[in-house]
Amino acid sequence: WIAVFAAVCLALMASVVPGVNAVLVMALAVSIVIFNVEDPALGIVLLATITGVNNTLDSIPSILYGVPGPATQVTFLEGHQLARQGKAAHTLGAVYSVSALGGIVGAVLLMISIPLVRPLVLKFGFSEIAATALVGLTMISVLSRGAMGKGLAMAMLGLLLGMIGRDPMGGFARLAVGPIVRLELLPMALGLFALPEIFDLTISRRPVAPAGATFSTREVFAGAREGLRHWKMVIRQSIFGVFLGAIPGVGSAVIDWLAYAFGIFFSKDKSQFGKGSLEGVMFAESAQNAKEAGQAIPTLAMGIPGGVPWVLVLVAMIAYGVAPGPEMLGANAHITILLVMTFAIANLVITGLGLLVTGQLAKLTAIPYPVIGGIIIPITLLSSFVDTTNWRGVQTILVMGCLGLVMKHFGWPRPPMLLAFILAPVIEVNLINGFSVYGIVGVLTDGLTMTIVAVAVATSVLFLRAVRKVDEEEAVRARGVMFQGQRGNGAPRMLENEPNSIANTTLDQSAKAPATWQHWHWEYLFHASLIAVTIAWIRDASGYPGTGGVFPIVLSSGVLGITLFEMVKVALGRSRQATIMDLGMSSAGVEGASKAALQMIVLLTIFILVGITLHLAYAALVLALAIPLVMLRGRRKWPISLLTATVVFLFIIIVLDNILFLIWPNPFVTGWEAPWGILLPSFGF
């Protein structure tokens, strides 16, 4: 019970504290556990349980604040829209119940599957893993509904961004500007999704939830009951999550989208997805919790880590002298049984905690967002530094934040770009290894690989047909509403965009006049930037040795061609704002939003200047203090700004300095080491 309690507390910190994840917590805990816990069963189970229950509460930042992690993109896409509709408490209640049920189903399947799944897992080699990633790319057909061209271009751009760094075969620099680096997933995800959303909500000065939203604990339990009513769906999604988790190398972020697509495939009403669907959230969350049991299968049965956190579990097993394999159901069967029981118990414990506190946490969505933004924005920027331990993380999140905001504004879907970025190394490395080991003919004639490819193609076709049918039905309904407006008022009545929904379809595009330069010059600038970058990449890739430049040139040419096509459509007035699976601008039409956006840009500039001249911690405190002062009105903004700065200060001192032992960067402009430690000299910071 002490181990269960310790694992739940550590998982709680890994879930709700921005910048902290299960891998980081486990890495810090593994040596402490090995040297202080004598019983191998308790030590191994404690570490495994941290990642096993981490997925239950990591939905809180995604839903309440719009800050997703790499494995909660679907929860952000659907759940944050529900929070903006005032359904945060209900949504989180449903998430807890399906996560707990998914964890229990996963634990049972773990016990059953270890002796049975070994032959199947061994069949998944390089080509099969690459083909499974291809199934993930077919999600573009759904994620880009209404904007297939833009979605395809962003998917290709995501693949290119995922290739930045060293070529896996030749070792030469590829698509790099300046120092050769590889973009990290967390700053990329936070920049592309979290920062634009936080920025947008902050300049709108509105709360996340509308007036009259319900935040009671009763509503949380009502959501939990609704989640349990979908138990058949949860079991189906959990089985799928265990299966995907058992395939080493697939990863949590890919499982998130694949489980979402799998659930949509069985859904009768596909028009609801992307607009704030509770069912969509449950699809992903039930599979996410169950996939941990799936990742435990190859770790325990074959010594092949199913995911990054399970590498640390394997380290502990080796340190304790526990060998993975058949003995996990023989001499070491007690460890496997204890792990199964602890997964189930810990999921129930952490779910109970969530049910009790969420009613209060959900009330944060009723606070004007500049108050939340004054805390979340500095912590999010610091989190990107924590993940990379250098300035590259901050640079990545700011650049991707600008790109994500522009894409969000002009209706270019962001999910395909992030999904492709995640899949790029999975596809490339496994294809290269597959071709090297089996040859091109061997890969293309492998039965299991071709079966997976066929499933991917068939799934894509079915999704395209279903989405096209949904779009046609929505267009018919829209024309009917427009016709009623013409009859009733003598003038067309256009459907208004709801402030808390994704971009809605423009009704009548046939009569739209050609766009003028004054109206579209910012979108032209976005197009021109994409064209310039892709041309530079094509020129760079043309000099790569051998066939190393083929893939980058083909992808860059694809982005270039689609961007030119979209640019011409805008110029001719044939571009339309279609329904895409992404969040729209909540600040659109809000009085003073343009001025507030300019003020936020100035504040972020000040953050950069203070960070590179004095200290990154000082920069975060200045930003936390300034955002409420600038964005709020009235006398209350002064105590609120002090409150936000205090919270950020405590986060820096407690979490970054004393838990993570973060090594702060020296300013690279002045070269002066700022006296950060003088703030609390008696504690030795």
Foldseek 3Di string as FASTA:
>chain_A
DVLLVLLLVLLVCQQPFFLHHLLLSLVLCLVVLLVPPQDLLSSLLSLLLNQLQSLLRNLLCLQAPVFHFLQCPLSNLQRVLCLLALQNLLLSLLLLQLLLLLLLLLLVCLVVPLVPCVVVLVVDALLNLLLLLLLLLLLLLAQFQPHSLLSLLLLLVLLQLLPQAADPPPRDGALDDPDRDHDDQGLLSCQQTVLLVLLLLLLLLAFSYDPPRALALVSSNVSNVVSVVVSVLLSVLSVVLLVLLLHAPCDSSSSQSVLLLVQCVPDPDNLCALWRDSSSSSSRSSSSSSSSSSQVSCCQAPVRGSDSSSVSSSVSCVSSVHDHHPCCVPVVVVSSVVSSVSSSVSSVVSSVVCSVCRSVVSCSSRHRSLLVSLQVVLSSLVSLCSVVVDCVSNVSSNVSNVVSNVCQAVVRRDVSSSSSNSCSCSNVVSVVVCCVPQNPVRSVPDPSSVVSNVVSVVSSVVSNVVSVVSVVVVLVVQVVQQVVCCVPPVHGDHDDDDLSTAFAWGHDQPPFAADDCVVCVVVVVVLVVLLVSLVVSLVVLVPDPDCRSVSSNVSSVSSNVSSVVVVVCNRRSNDTNHGRSGHHRSSVPRPCSVVSSVVVVVLVVQLVVCCQPANNLVSSLSSSLVSLVVSPDDPVSNVSSVVSSVVSVCCCVPPVCPPSVRDTDQRPPNSDHHPPCVVPVVVPD
